C-alpha atoms as a PDB file:
ATOM      1  CA  MET A   1      19.264 -13.604   3.886  1.00  0.00           C
ATOM      2  CA  GLN A   2      19.860 -15.392   0.605  1.00  0.00           C
ATOM      3  CA  SER A   3      17.399 -15.285  -2.229  1.00  0.00           C
ATOM      4  CA  ILE A   4      15.157 -18.329  -2.628  1.00  0.00           C
ATOM      5  CA  VAL A   5      12.731 -17.163  -5.284  1.00  0.00           C
ATOM      6  CA  SER A   6      12.968 -20.238  -7.474  1.00  0.00           C
ATOM      7  CA  GLY A   7      14.057 -22.741  -4.897  1.00  0.00           C
ATOM      8  CA  THR A   8      17.710 -21.993  -5.610  1.00  0.00           C
ATOM      9  CA  VAL A   9      20.173 -20.013  -3.563  1.00  0.00           C
ATOM     10  CA  SER A  10      21.878 -16.969  -5.047  1.00  0.00           C
ATOM     11  CA  GLY A  11      25.111 -15.375  -3.960  1.00  0.00           C
ATOM     12  CA  SER A  12      25.748 -11.773  -3.140  1.00  0.00           C
ATOM     13  CA  GLU A  13      26.385 -10.647  -6.722  1.00  0.00           C
ATOM     14  CA  PRO A  14      23.370  -9.577  -8.821  1.00  0.00           C
ATOM     15  CA  ASP A  15      22.186 -12.485 -10.942  1.00  0.00           C
ATOM     16  CA  ARG A  16      20.092 -12.207 -14.099  1.00  0.00           C
ATOM     17  CA  GLY A  17      18.765 -15.693 -13.522  1.00  0.00           C
ATOM     18  CA  ALA A  18      16.245 -17.360 -11.279  1.00  0.00           C
ATOM     19  CA  GLY A  19      17.325 -15.775  -8.003  1.00  0.00           C
ATOM     20  CA  ALA A  20      17.130 -12.143  -9.139  1.00  0.00           C
ATOM     21  CA  LEU A  21      14.012 -10.022  -8.834  1.00  0.00           C
ATOM     22  CA  GLY A  22      12.709  -7.249 -11.048  1.00  0.00           C
ATOM     23  CA  TRP A  23      10.742  -4.275  -9.782  1.00  0.00           C
ATOM     24  CA  ILE A  24       8.708  -1.609 -11.589  1.00  0.00           C
ATOM     25  CA  GLY A  25       7.766   1.505  -9.616  1.00  0.00           C
ATOM     26  CA  ALA A  26       9.884   3.178  -6.936  1.00  0.00           C
ATOM     27  CA  GLY A  27       7.431   5.567  -5.335  1.00  0.00           C
ATOM     28  CA  ARG A  28       7.163   5.882  -1.556  1.00  0.00           C
ATOM     29  CA  MET A  29       5.804   2.358  -1.054  1.00  0.00           C
ATOM     30  CA  GLY A  30       7.811   0.708  -3.804  1.00  0.00           C
ATOM     31  CA  ALA A  31      11.094   2.183  -2.615  1.00  0.00           C
ATOM     32  CA  ALA A  32      10.464   1.058   0.968  1.00  0.00           C
ATOM     33  CA  MET A  33       9.752  -2.508  -0.188  1.00  0.00           C
ATOM     34  CA  ILE A  34      12.839  -2.584  -2.397  1.00  0.00           C
ATOM     35  CA  GLU A  35      14.936  -1.447   0.557  1.00  0.00           C
ATOM     36  CA  ARG A  36      13.616  -4.392   2.584  1.00  0.00           C
ATOM     37  CA  LEU A  37      14.537  -6.834  -0.178  1.00  0.00           C
ATOM     38  CA  LEU A  38      18.027  -5.404  -0.539  1.00  0.00           C
ATOM     39  CA  GLU A  39      18.543  -5.636   3.221  1.00  0.00           C
ATOM     40  CA  ALA A  40      17.467  -9.295   3.041  1.00  0.00           C
ATOM     41  CA  GLY A  41      20.097  -9.981   0.377  1.00  0.00           C
ATOM     42  CA  HIS A  42      17.903 -10.246  -2.723  1.00  0.00           C
ATOM     43  CA  PRO A  43      19.362  -8.977  -6.017  1.00  0.00           C
ATOM     44  CA  VAL A  44      16.801  -6.472  -7.373  1.00  0.00           C
ATOM     45  CA  THR A  45      16.761  -4.789 -10.780  1.00  0.00           C
ATOM     46  CA  VAL A  46      14.635  -1.637 -10.600  1.00  0.00           C
ATOM     47  CA  TYR A  47      12.868   0.402 -13.275  1.00  0.00           C
ATOM     48  CA  ASN A  48      11.148   3.690 -12.549  1.00  0.00           C
ATOM     49  CA  ARG A  49       9.939   6.229 -15.077  1.00  0.00           C
ATOM     50  CA  THR A  50      11.749   9.003 -13.166  1.00  0.00           C
ATOM     51  CA  ARG A  51      15.326   7.771 -12.902  1.00  0.00           C
ATOM     52  CA  SER A  52      16.299  10.088 -10.036  1.00  0.00           C
ATOM     53  CA  LYS A  53      13.969   8.236  -7.674  1.00  0.00           C
ATOM     54  CA  ILE A  54      16.008   5.045  -7.899  1.00  0.00           C
ATOM     55  CA  GLU A  55      19.408   6.615  -7.256  1.00  0.00           C
ATOM     56  CA  PRO A  56      19.266   5.975  -3.471  1.00  0.00           C
ATOM     57  CA  LEU A  57      18.270   2.367  -4.192  1.00  0.00           C
ATOM     58  CA  VAL A  58      21.167   1.948  -6.619  1.00  0.00           C
ATOM     59  CA  ALA A  59      23.475   3.293  -3.930  1.00  0.00           C
ATOM     60  CA  ALA A  60      22.049   0.599  -1.629  1.00  0.00           C
ATOM     61  CA  GLY A  61      22.798  -2.161  -4.133  1.00  0.00           C
ATOM     62  CA  ALA A  62      19.910  -2.238  -6.607  1.00  0.00           C
ATOM     63  CA  VAL A  63      20.643  -2.700 -10.316  1.00  0.00           C
ATOM     64  CA  PRO A  64      19.195   0.167 -12.408  1.00  0.00           C
ATOM     65  CA  ALA A  65      17.077  -0.583 -15.472  1.00  0.00           C
ATOM     66  CA  ALA A  66      16.987   1.994 -18.247  1.00  0.00           C
ATOM     67  CA  SER A  67      13.696   0.555 -19.519  1.00  0.00           C
ATOM     68  CA  ILE A  68      11.305  -2.279 -18.837  1.00  0.00           C
ATOM     69  CA  ALA A  69      13.153  -4.220 -21.532  1.00  0.00           C
ATOM     70  CA  ASP A  70      16.075  -4.524 -19.109  1.00  0.00           C
ATOM     71  CA  LEU A  71      13.896  -6.802 -16.963  1.00  0.00           C
ATOM     72  CA  ALA A  72      13.740  -9.471 -19.673  1.00  0.00           C
ATOM     73  CA  GLY A  73      15.070 -12.773 -18.393  1.00  0.00           C
ATOM     74  CA  LEU A  74      14.073 -12.224 -14.773  1.00  0.00           C
ATOM     75  CA  ASP A  75      11.713 -14.886 -13.470  1.00  0.00           C
ATOM     76  CA  VAL A  76       9.776 -12.787 -10.920  1.00  0.00           C
ATOM     77  CA  VAL A  77       8.899  -9.121 -11.423  1.00  0.00           C
ATOM     78  CA  PHE A  78       6.994  -6.958  -8.952  1.00  0.00           C
ATOM     79  CA  THR A  79       4.884  -3.958  -9.938  1.00  0.00           C
ATOM     80  CA  SER A  80       4.132  -1.041  -7.612  1.00  0.00           C
ATOM     81  CA  VAL A  81       2.377   1.653  -9.604  1.00  0.00           C
ATOM     82  CA  GLY A  82      -0.223   4.337  -9.012  1.00  0.00           C
ATOM     83  CA  SER A  83      -3.360   3.208 -10.816  1.00  0.00           C
ATOM     84  CA  SER A  84      -5.091   0.491 -12.812  1.00  0.00           C
ATOM     85  CA  GLU A  85      -4.137   2.287 -16.013  1.00  0.00           C
ATOM     86  CA  ASP A  86      -0.492   2.402 -14.961  1.00  0.00           C
ATOM     87  CA  LEU A  87      -0.493  -1.327 -14.213  1.00  0.00           C
ATOM     88  CA  LEU A  88      -1.843  -2.177 -17.655  1.00  0.00           C
ATOM     89  CA  ALA A  89       0.604   0.226 -19.298  1.00  0.00           C
ATOM     90  CA  VAL A  90       3.701  -1.372 -17.747  1.00  0.00           C
ATOM     91  CA  THR A  91       2.511  -4.924 -18.369  1.00  0.00           C
ATOM     92  CA  ILE A  92       0.471  -5.158 -21.563  1.00  0.00           C
ATOM     93  CA  GLY A  93       1.114  -1.715 -23.083  1.00  0.00           C
ATOM     94  CA  ALA A  94       3.784  -0.894 -25.635  1.00  0.00           C
ATOM     95  CA  GLY A  95       7.131  -2.070 -24.278  1.00  0.00           C
ATOM     96  CA  GLY A  96       5.426  -3.674 -21.273  1.00  0.00           C
ATOM     97  CA  LEU A  97       6.497  -6.842 -19.469  1.00  0.00           C
ATOM     98  CA  LEU A  98       4.307  -9.140 -21.526  1.00  0.00           C
ATOM     99  CA  THR A  99       5.686  -7.780 -24.805  1.00  0.00           C
ATOM    100  CA  LEU A 100       9.289  -8.743 -23.987  1.00  0.00           C
ATOM    101  CA  SER A 101      11.115 -11.508 -25.829  1.00  0.00           C
ATOM    102  CA  LYS A 102      11.287 -13.413 -22.550  1.00  0.00           C
ATOM    103  CA  THR A 103       8.401 -12.651 -20.227  1.00  0.00           C
ATOM    104  CA  PRO A 104       8.548 -13.214 -16.450  1.00  0.00           C
ATOM    105  CA  GLN A 105       7.360 -16.499 -15.040  1.00  0.00           C
ATOM    106  CA  VAL A 106       5.495 -14.588 -12.296  1.00  0.00           C
ATOM    107  CA  ILE A 107       4.256 -11.000 -12.061  1.00  0.00           C
ATOM    108  CA  VAL A 108       3.407  -9.840  -8.526  1.00  0.00           C
ATOM    109  CA  ASP A 109       1.400  -6.637  -8.239  1.00  0.00           C
ATOM    110  CA  VAL A 110       1.500  -5.119  -4.748  1.00  0.00           C
ATOM    111  CA  THR A 111      -0.751  -2.107  -5.372  1.00  0.00           C
ATOM    112  CA  THR A 112      -4.478  -1.537  -5.016  1.00  0.00           C
ATOM    113  CA  VAL A 113      -6.065  -1.599  -8.461  1.00  0.00           C
ATOM    114  CA  SER A 114      -9.448  -2.643  -9.787  1.00  0.00           C
ATOM    115  CA  ALA A 115     -10.334  -6.300 -10.109  1.00  0.00           C
ATOM    116  CA  ASP A 116     -11.218  -5.686 -13.769  1.00  0.00           C
ATOM    117  CA  ALA A 117      -7.740  -4.367 -14.579  1.00  0.00           C
ATOM    118  CA  SER A 118      -6.170  -7.231 -12.677  1.00  0.00           C
ATOM    119  CA  ALA A 119      -8.302  -9.774 -14.552  1.00  0.00           C
ATOM    120  CA  THR A 120      -7.358  -8.172 -17.877  1.00  0.00           C
ATOM    121  CA  LEU A 121      -3.692  -8.525 -17.007  1.00  0.00           C
ATOM    122  CA  ARG A 122      -4.169 -12.112 -15.840  1.00  0.00           C
ATOM    123  CA  ALA A 123      -5.911 -13.131 -19.081  1.00  0.00           C
ATOM    124  CA  ARG A 124      -3.146 -11.636 -21.227  1.00  0.00           C
ATOM    125  CA  ALA A 125      -0.468 -13.156 -19.015  1.00  0.00           C
ATOM    126  CA  ILE A 126      -1.885 -16.659 -19.456  1.00  0.00           C
ATOM    127  CA  GLU A 127      -1.368 -16.273 -23.204  1.00  0.00           C
ATOM    128  CA  SER A 128       2.315 -15.547 -22.515  1.00  0.00           C
ATOM    129  CA  GLY A 129       2.770 -18.392 -20.061  1.00  0.00           C
ATOM    130  CA  THR A 130       3.122 -15.964 -17.143  1.00  0.00           C
ATOM    131  CA  GLU A 131       1.367 -16.351 -13.784  1.00  0.00           C
ATOM    132  CA  VAL A 132       0.017 -13.296 -11.972  1.00  0.00           C
ATOM    133  CA  LEU A 133      -0.326 -12.801  -8.245  1.00  0.00           C
ATOM    134  CA  ALA A 134      -2.477  -9.994  -6.888  1.00  0.00           C
ATOM    135  CA  ALA A 135      -0.715  -9.061  -3.646  1.00  0.00           C
ATOM    136  CA  PRO A 136      -1.940  -5.652  -2.480  1.00  0.00           C
ATOM    137  CA  ALA A 137       0.010  -4.427   0.520  1.00  0.00           C
ATOM    138  CA  SER A 138      -1.401  -3.039   3.745  1.00  0.00           C
ATOM    139  CA  GLY A 139       0.881  -0.517   5.395  1.00  0.00           C
ATOM    140  CA  ASN A 140       2.497   2.815   4.665  1.00  0.00           C
ATOM    141  CA  PRO A 141       6.210   3.362   3.969  1.00  0.00           C
ATOM    142  CA  GLY A 142       6.967   3.590   7.679  1.00  0.00           C
ATOM    143  CA  ALA A 143       5.196   0.301   8.303  1.00  0.00           C
ATOM    144  CA  VAL A 144       7.106  -1.309   5.440  1.00  0.00           C
ATOM    145  CA  ARG A 145      10.479  -0.138   6.748  1.00  0.00           C
ATOM    146  CA  ALA A 146       9.571  -1.491  10.195  1.00  0.00           C
ATOM    147  CA  GLY A 147       8.747  -4.877   8.672  1.00  0.00           C
ATOM    148  CA  ARG A 148       5.061  -4.587   9.585  1.00  0.00           C
ATOM    149  CA  ALA A 149       3.452  -4.516   6.151  1.00  0.00           C
ATOM    150  CA  THR A 150       1.036  -7.320   5.323  1.00  0.00           C
ATOM    151  CA  PHE A 151      -0.134  -8.769   2.023  1.00  0.00           C
ATOM    152  CA  ALA A 152      -3.378 -10.308   0.851  1.00  0.00           C
ATOM    153  CA  VAL A 153      -2.477 -12.627  -2.041  1.00  0.00           C
ATOM    154  CA  SER A 154      -4.536 -14.374  -4.709  1.00  0.00           C
ATOM    155  CA  GLY A 155      -3.719 -16.274  -7.863  1.00  0.00           C
ATOM    156  CA  PRO A 156      -2.199 -19.681  -8.593  1.00  0.00           C
ATOM    157  CA  LEU A 157      -1.277 -21.461  -5.374  1.00  0.00           C
ATOM    158  CA  THR A 158       2.012 -22.706  -6.851  1.00  0.00           C
ATOM    159  CA  ALA A 159       3.041 -19.137  -7.667  1.00  0.00           C
ATOM    160  CA  TYR A 160       2.107 -18.027  -4.159  1.00  0.00           C
ATOM    161  CA  GLU A 161       4.197 -20.787  -2.578  1.00  0.00           C
ATOM    162  CA  ARG A 162       7.135 -19.701  -4.714  1.00  0.00           C
ATOM    163  CA  VAL A 163       6.900 -16.000  -3.890  1.00  0.00           C
ATOM    164  CA  ALA A 164       5.616 -16.076  -0.292  1.00  0.00           C
ATOM    165  CA  PRO A 165       9.128 -16.207   1.253  1.00  0.00           C
ATOM    166  CA  VAL A 166      10.041 -13.043  -0.635  1.00  0.00           C
ATOM    167  CA  LEU A 167       6.873 -11.256   0.494  1.00  0.00           C
ATOM    168  CA  ARG A 168       7.683 -12.248   4.062  1.00  0.00           C
ATOM    169  CA  ASP A 169      11.119 -10.695   3.676  1.00  0.00           C
ATOM    170  CA  ILE A 170       9.278  -7.451   2.984  1.00  0.00           C
ATOM    171  CA  GLY A 171       6.580  -7.632   5.636  1.00  0.00           C
ATOM    172  CA  ALA A 172       5.072  -9.438   8.579  1.00  0.00           C
ATOM    173  CA  ASN A 173       2.918 -11.907   6.664  1.00  0.00           C
ATOM    174  CA  ALA A 174       1.408 -12.801   3.314  1.00  0.00           C
ATOM    175  CA  THR A 175      -2.047 -14.364   3.545  1.00  0.00           C
ATOM    176  CA  TYR A 176      -3.224 -16.533   0.657  1.00  0.00           C
ATOM    177  CA  CYS A 177      -6.885 -15.713  -0.018  1.00  0.00           C
ATOM    178  CA  GLY A 178      -7.647 -17.901  -3.033  1.00  0.00           C
ATOM    179  CA  GLU A 179      -7.630 -17.868  -6.814  1.00  0.00           C
ATOM    180  CA  GLY A 180      -8.246 -14.993  -9.185  1.00  0.00           C
ATOM    181  CA  GLU A 181      -8.726 -11.443  -7.966  1.00  0.00           C
ATOM    182  CA  VAL A 182     -10.110 -12.028  -4.454  1.00  0.00           C
ATOM    183  CA  ALA A 183      -7.089 -10.350  -2.834  1.00  0.00           C
ATOM    184  CA  ARG A 184      -8.161  -7.125  -4.550  1.00  0.00           C
ATOM    185  CA  LEU A 185     -11.522  -7.336  -2.781  1.00  0.00           C
ATOM    186  CA  VAL A 186      -9.853  -8.089   0.559  1.00  0.00           C
ATOM    187  CA  LYS A 187      -7.720  -4.936   0.296  1.00  0.00           C
ATOM    188  CA  LEU A 188     -10.660  -2.793  -0.794  1.00  0.00           C
ATOM    189  CA  CYS A 189     -12.670  -4.026   2.202  1.00  0.00           C
ATOM    190  CA  HIS A 190      -9.699  -3.126   4.392  1.00  0.00           C
ATOM    191  CA  ASN A 191      -9.565   0.427   3.042  1.00  0.00           C
ATOM    192  CA  LEU A 192     -13.325   0.940   3.234  1.00  0.00           C
ATOM    193  CA  PHE A 193     -13.004   0.128   6.924  1.00  0.00           C
ATOM    194  CA  LEU A 194      -9.974   2.417   7.171  1.00  0.00           C
ATOM    195  CA  GLY A 195     -12.030   5.340   5.885  1.00  0.00           C
ATOM    196  CA  SER A 196     -14.840   4.674   8.328  1.00  0.00           C
ATOM    197  CA  VAL A 197     -12.438   4.367  11.270  1.00  0.00           C
ATOM    198  CA  ILE A 198     -10.594   7.638  10.604  1.00  0.00           C
ATOM    199  CA  GLN A 199     -13.853   9.522  10.093  1.00  0.00           C
ATOM    200  CA  SER A 200     -15.299   8.189  13.358  1.00  0.00           C
ATOM    201  CA  LEU A 201     -12.054   8.905  15.213  1.00  0.00           C
ATOM    202  CA  VAL A 202     -12.012  12.492  13.933  1.00  0.00           C
ATOM    203  CA  GLU A 203     -15.651  13.040  14.920  1.00  0.00           C
ATOM    204  CA  VAL A 204     -15.290  11.857  18.512  1.00  0.00           C
ATOM    205  CA  THR A 205     -11.975  13.696  18.919  1.00  0.00           C
ATOM    206  CA  LEU A 206     -13.612  16.960  17.875  1.00  0.00           C
ATOM    207  CA  LEU A 207     -16.565  16.330  20.161  1.00  0.00           C
ATOM    208  CA  ALA A 208     -14.215  15.863  23.108  1.00  0.00           C
ATOM    209  CA  GLU A 209     -12.194  18.950  22.168  1.00  0.00           C
ATOM    210  CA  LYS A 210     -15.220  21.194  21.836  1.00  0.00           C
ATOM    211  CA  GLY A 211     -16.293  19.982  25.254  1.00  0.00           C
ATOM    212  CA  GLY A 212     -13.021  21.101  26.778  1.00  0.00           C
ATOM    213  CA  VAL A 213     -10.766  18.021  26.522  1.00  0.00           C
ATOM    214  CA  ASP A 214      -7.476  18.527  24.685  1.00  0.00           C
ATOM    215  CA  ARG A 215      -6.861  16.151  21.797  1.00  0.00           C
ATOM    216  CA  ALA A 216      -3.730  14.580  23.234  1.00  0.00           C
ATOM    217  CA  SER A 217      -5.460  13.623  26.481  1.00  0.00           C
ATOM    218  CA  PHE A 218      -8.517  12.241  24.748  1.00  0.00           C
ATOM    219  CA  LEU A 219      -6.490  10.179  22.283  1.00  0.00           C
ATOM    220  CA  ALA A 220      -4.198   8.930  25.055  1.00  0.00           C
ATOM    221  CA  PHE A 221      -7.307   7.605  26.785  1.00  0.00           C
ATOM    222  CA  MET A 222      -8.591   6.021  23.570  1.00  0.00           C
ATOM    223  CA  ASN A 223      -5.265   4.347  22.848  1.00  0.00           C
ATOM    224  CA  GLY A 224      -5.214   2.770  26.292  1.00  0.00           C
ATOM    225  CA  SER A 225      -8.805   1.531  26.067  1.00  0.00           C
ATOM    226  CA  VAL A 226     -10.206  -1.624  24.496  1.00  0.00           C
ATOM    227  CA  LEU A 227     -10.868   0.429  21.358  1.00  0.00           C
ATOM    228  CA  GLY A 228      -7.236   1.476  21.028  1.00  0.00           C
ATOM    229  CA  SER A 229      -5.320  -0.051  18.137  1.00  0.00           C
ATOM    230  CA  THR A 230      -2.135   0.165  16.116  1.00  0.00           C
ATOM    231  CA  PHE A 231      -3.981   2.545  13.822  1.00  0.00           C
ATOM    232  CA  THR A 232      -5.383   4.931  16.447  1.00  0.00           C
ATOM    233  CA  ALA A 233      -2.009   5.128  18.200  1.00  0.00           C
ATOM    234  CA  TYR A 234      -0.146   5.727  14.965  1.00  0.00           C
ATOM    235  CA  LYS A 235      -2.509   8.508  13.867  1.00  0.00           C
ATOM    236  CA  THR A 236      -2.464  10.265  17.246  1.00  0.00           C
ATOM    237  CA  PRO A 237       0.581  12.509  16.497  1.00  0.00           C
ATOM    238  CA  ALA A 238      -0.912  13.590  13.152  1.00  0.00           C
ATOM    239  CA  LEU A 239      -4.245  14.476  14.758  1.00  0.00           C
ATOM    240  CA  VAL A 240      -2.646  16.253  17.719  1.00  0.00           C
ATOM    241  CA  ASP A 241       0.137  18.111  15.874  1.00  0.00           C
ATOM    242  CA  LEU A 242      -1.829  18.606  12.637  1.00  0.00           C
ATOM    243  CA  ASP A 243       1.043  17.037  10.733  1.00  0.00           C
ATOM    244  CA  PHE A 244      -0.415  15.987   7.412  1.00  0.00           C
ATOM    245  CA  ARG A 245       2.745  14.981   5.604  1.00  0.00           C
ATOM    246  CA  PRO A 246       1.445  12.065   3.564  1.00  0.00           C
ATOM    247  CA  THR A 247       1.754   8.480   4.599  1.00  0.00           C
ATOM    248  CA  PHE A 248      -1.376   7.708   2.570  1.00  0.00           C
ATOM    249  CA  THR A 249      -2.899  10.621   0.690  1.00  0.00           C
ATOM    250  CA  ALA A 250      -6.536  11.636   0.733  1.00  0.00           C
ATOM    251  CA  ARG A 251      -6.594  11.188  -3.046  1.00  0.00           C
ATOM    252  CA  LEU A 252      -5.443   7.565  -2.764  1.00  0.00           C
ATOM    253  CA  LEU A 253      -8.009   6.857  -0.053  1.00  0.00           C
ATOM    254  CA  ARG A 254     -10.721   8.320  -2.288  1.00  0.00           C
ATOM    255  CA  LYS A 255      -9.591   6.067  -5.155  1.00  0.00           C
ATOM    256  CA  ASP A 256      -9.699   2.945  -2.992  1.00  0.00           C
ATOM    257  CA  MET A 257     -13.062   3.799  -1.469  1.00  0.00           C
ATOM    258  CA  GLU A 258     -14.529   4.382  -4.929  1.00  0.00           C
ATOM    259  CA  LEU A 259     -13.214   1.004  -6.082  1.00  0.00           C
ATOM    260  CA  GLY A 260     -14.581  -0.668  -2.950  1.00  0.00           C
ATOM    261  CA  LEU A 261     -18.019   0.905  -3.304  1.00  0.00           C
ATOM    262  CA  ALA A 262     -18.094  -0.122  -6.970  1.00  0.00           C
ATOM    263  CA  ALA A 263     -17.425  -3.706  -5.867  1.00  0.00           C
ATOM    264  CA  ALA A 264     -20.236  -3.416  -3.317  1.00  0.00           C
ATOM    265  CA  ARG A 265     -22.653  -2.264  -6.002  1.00  0.00           C
ATOM    266  CA  HIS A 266     -21.592  -5.115  -8.260  1.00  0.00           C
ATOM    267  CA  LEU A 267     -22.136  -7.666  -5.490  1.00  0.00           C
ATOM    268  CA  GLU A 268     -25.285  -5.868  -4.277  1.00  0.00           C
ATOM    269  CA  VAL A 269     -24.052  -5.418  -0.719  1.00  0.00           C
ATOM    270  CA  PRO A 270     -25.524  -2.289   0.921  1.00  0.00           C
ATOM    271  CA  MET A 271     -22.796  -0.202   2.583  1.00  0.00           C
ATOM    272  CA  PRO A 272     -24.516   2.942   3.876  1.00  0.00           C
ATOM    273  CA  VAL A 273     -21.743   3.973   6.291  1.00  0.00           C
ATOM    274  CA  SER A 274     -18.948   3.480   3.767  1.00  0.00           C
ATOM    275  CA  ALA A 275     -20.947   5.306   1.087  1.00  0.00           C
ATOM    276  CA  LEU A 276     -21.381   8.328   3.343  1.00  0.00           C
ATOM    277  CA  VAL A 277     -17.713   8.344   4.337  1.00  0.00           C
ATOM    278  CA  GLY A 278     -16.774   8.058   0.670  1.00  0.00           C
ATOM    279  CA  GLN A 279     -18.593  11.336   0.046  1.00  0.00           C
ATOM    280  CA  VAL A 280     -16.749  12.978   2.937  1.00  0.00           C
ATOM    281  CA  VAL A 281     -13.383  11.828   1.586  1.00  0.00           C
ATOM    282  CA  ALA A 282     -14.324  13.040  -1.910  1.00  0.00           C
ATOM    283  CA  ARG A 283     -15.098  16.439  -0.402  1.00  0.00           C
ATOM    284  CA  LEU A 284     -11.744  16.417   1.397  1.00  0.00           C
ATOM    285  CA  VAL A 285      -9.995  16.040  -1.955  1.00  0.00           C
ATOM    286  CA  GLY A 286     -12.248  18.652  -3.547  1.00  0.00           C
ATOM    287  CA  GLU A 287     -11.312  21.178  -0.861  1.00  0.00           C
ATOM    288  CA  GLY A 288      -7.646  20.890  -1.743  1.00  0.00           C
ATOM    289  CA  TYR A 289      -6.360  18.282   0.702  1.00  0.00           C
ATOM    290  CA  GLY A 290      -5.825  15.603  -1.959  1.00  0.00           C
ATOM    291  CA  GLU A 291      -2.038  15.364  -1.656  1.00  0.00           C
ATOM    292  CA  GLN A 292      -2.028  15.577   2.140  1.00  0.00           C
ATOM    293  CA  ASP A 293      -2.430  12.683   4.530  1.00  0.00           C
ATOM    294  CA  PHE A 294      -6.036  11.639   4.989  1.00  0.00           C
ATOM    295  CA  ALA A 295      -5.759  12.647   8.679  1.00  0.00           C
ATOM    296  CA  ALA A 296      -6.412  16.155   7.304  1.00  0.00           C
ATOM    297  CA  LEU A 297     -10.069  15.194   7.737  1.00  0.00           C
ATOM    298  CA  ILE A 298      -9.776  16.712  11.205  1.00  0.00           C
ATOM    299  CA  SER A 299      -9.105  20.179   9.749  1.00  0.00           C
ATOM    300  CA  MET A 300     -12.068  20.050   7.390  1.00  0.00           C
ATOM    301  CA  GLN A 301     -14.416  18.647  10.048  1.00  0.00           C
ATOM    302  CA  ALA A 302     -13.246  21.156  12.657  1.00  0.00           C
ATOM    303  CA  ARG A 303     -14.618  24.055  10.616  1.00  0.00           C
ATOM    304  CA  GLU A 304     -18.039  22.460  10.557  1.00  0.00           C
ATOM    305  CA  ALA A 305     -17.878  21.757  14.278  1.00  0.00           C
ATOM    306  CA  GLY A 306     -16.850  25.316  15.099  1.00  0.00           C
ATOM    307  CA  VAL A 307     -13.599  24.113  16.647  1.00  0.00           C
ATOM    308  CA  GLU A 308     -10.453  26.200  16.266  1.00  0.00           C
ATOM    309  CA  LEU A 309      -7.634  23.698  16.273  1.00  0.00           C
ATOM    310  CA  GLY A 310      -4.396  24.579  17.988  1.00  0.00           C
ATOM    311  CA  ASN A 311      -1.187  22.981  16.734  1.00  0.00           C
ATOM    312  CA  GLY A 312      -0.543  20.376  19.422  1.00  0.00           C
ATOM    313  CA  SER A 313      -1.672  20.593  23.040  1.00  0.00           C
ATOM    314  CA  ALA A 314      -0.393  20.377  26.566  1.00  0.00           C
ATOM    315  CA  GLY A 315      -0.584  16.625  26.951  1.00  0.00           C
ATOM    316  CA  ALA A 316       1.911  14.350  25.212  1.00  0.00           C
ATOM    317  CA  PRO A 317       0.309  11.840  22.831  1.00  0.00           C
ATOM    318  CA  THR A 318       0.495   8.313  24.134  1.00  0.00           C
ATOM    319  CA  ARG A 319       1.215   5.270  21.950  1.00  0.00           C
ATOM    320  CA  LEU A 320       0.551   1.666  22.706  1.00  0.00           C
ATOM    321  CA  PRO A 321       3.707  -0.489  22.906  1.00  0.00           C
ATOM    322  CA  GLY A 322       4.910  -1.687  19.531  1.00  0.00           C
ATOM    323  CA  THR A 323       2.634   0.558  17.491  1.00  0.00           C
ATOM    324  CA  GLN A 324       5.142   2.708  15.639  1.00  0.00           C
ATOM    325  CA  ALA A 325       3.877   1.570  12.226  1.00  0.00           C
ATOM    326  CA  ALA A 326       0.393   1.909  10.825  1.00  0.00           C
ATOM    327  CA  GLN A 327      -1.543  -0.683   8.876  1.00  0.00           C
ATOM    328  CA  GLU A 328      -3.058   1.489   6.173  1.00  0.00           C
END
C-alpha cells in the first residue's frame, strides 16, 4: 500500500518529505507496529536509544536515525516509549522533537501515559505549531502483527483524519474519541477492566482445579460459553502451560492500573473492585513477577488457594475461531 499521510502518494523509495513517517521507540510494541507500516509500503525513519533493536527493522526497509535530530523535516512522527517521563524526554527534553529546527506537523503517541504528561506535551506543541494525537494502542505484539490492534484517538479532528489511514494500516481500527486527552482515559478504563478480568478468570480457574477439574477442560468450557472472549481464549495456553513469557508485563499492568485509579480519584468515581485488583497486581510485582506476563497471577494465587499447579494438563486448550491475538 502506498503512503497517504499528507494526502499525497509516495513511491517505494524513502522520502524525507510529506509521505515519510518518523518513529521513536522500537520496543516490543513499537517494533511490531513499524513492521506493519513497512509491510504496507510506508517509508519509516526509526530512532531507538539502543541501536541494536532497530537492526531487524533496517533489514526490513526502515531508515535508521542516529538521533532524534535525524527526524527533522518529517511531517508525522510516532512515539512508542515506556513511561510518561520518557515521552516528555523525547519530545520536550533536550534534543527532543519540539526542539528541532523543523518540528513535526503531527506527533502521534501510541503508548499509555498519564493525561497530565500528555497535556504538558500538547501545550508545548501548540507553541511550536505542532498538533498532538493521543492514540494509545490496545493489543500486544502478537495482536499487532496479526493486524488486530486497535487505537483510541483524541486530539484535533483534522490531525486524526490525516493520520487515521496510517493507524488502520497498523491495526483493525482507530476510534476517534474527542478532543484533548480523553483517549488516555479510554485506554486506562480498558486496562482497569483487563486487570479485573484476569483476576476473576484466575480465581474461578483455581476453584475448578481444586475441585478436581483440570485447567484445560475448564477453560475450554469457558471459551465456548457466552462468557468466552478473544481475551480468555488467548490467555488459555498461558494459564494451562504456565508460560509467562511477557506479552504485557505485570509491571506495565500495575502502572496502567495506578494511572487509572488516579483518574478515578480525580473524577470521584468509586472503583472498589479495580482498587482491590490494583493491590493484587502490586503484590504480584512485589513478589518478583514484574517482568513476567501478568498471567503469572495464577502462580501467586495458587499458593494461597493451596493448589499445586502442574505444567499443562491432559486436555488440550481450546480457542474460539479467530482468537489468536489478544486485545490487551
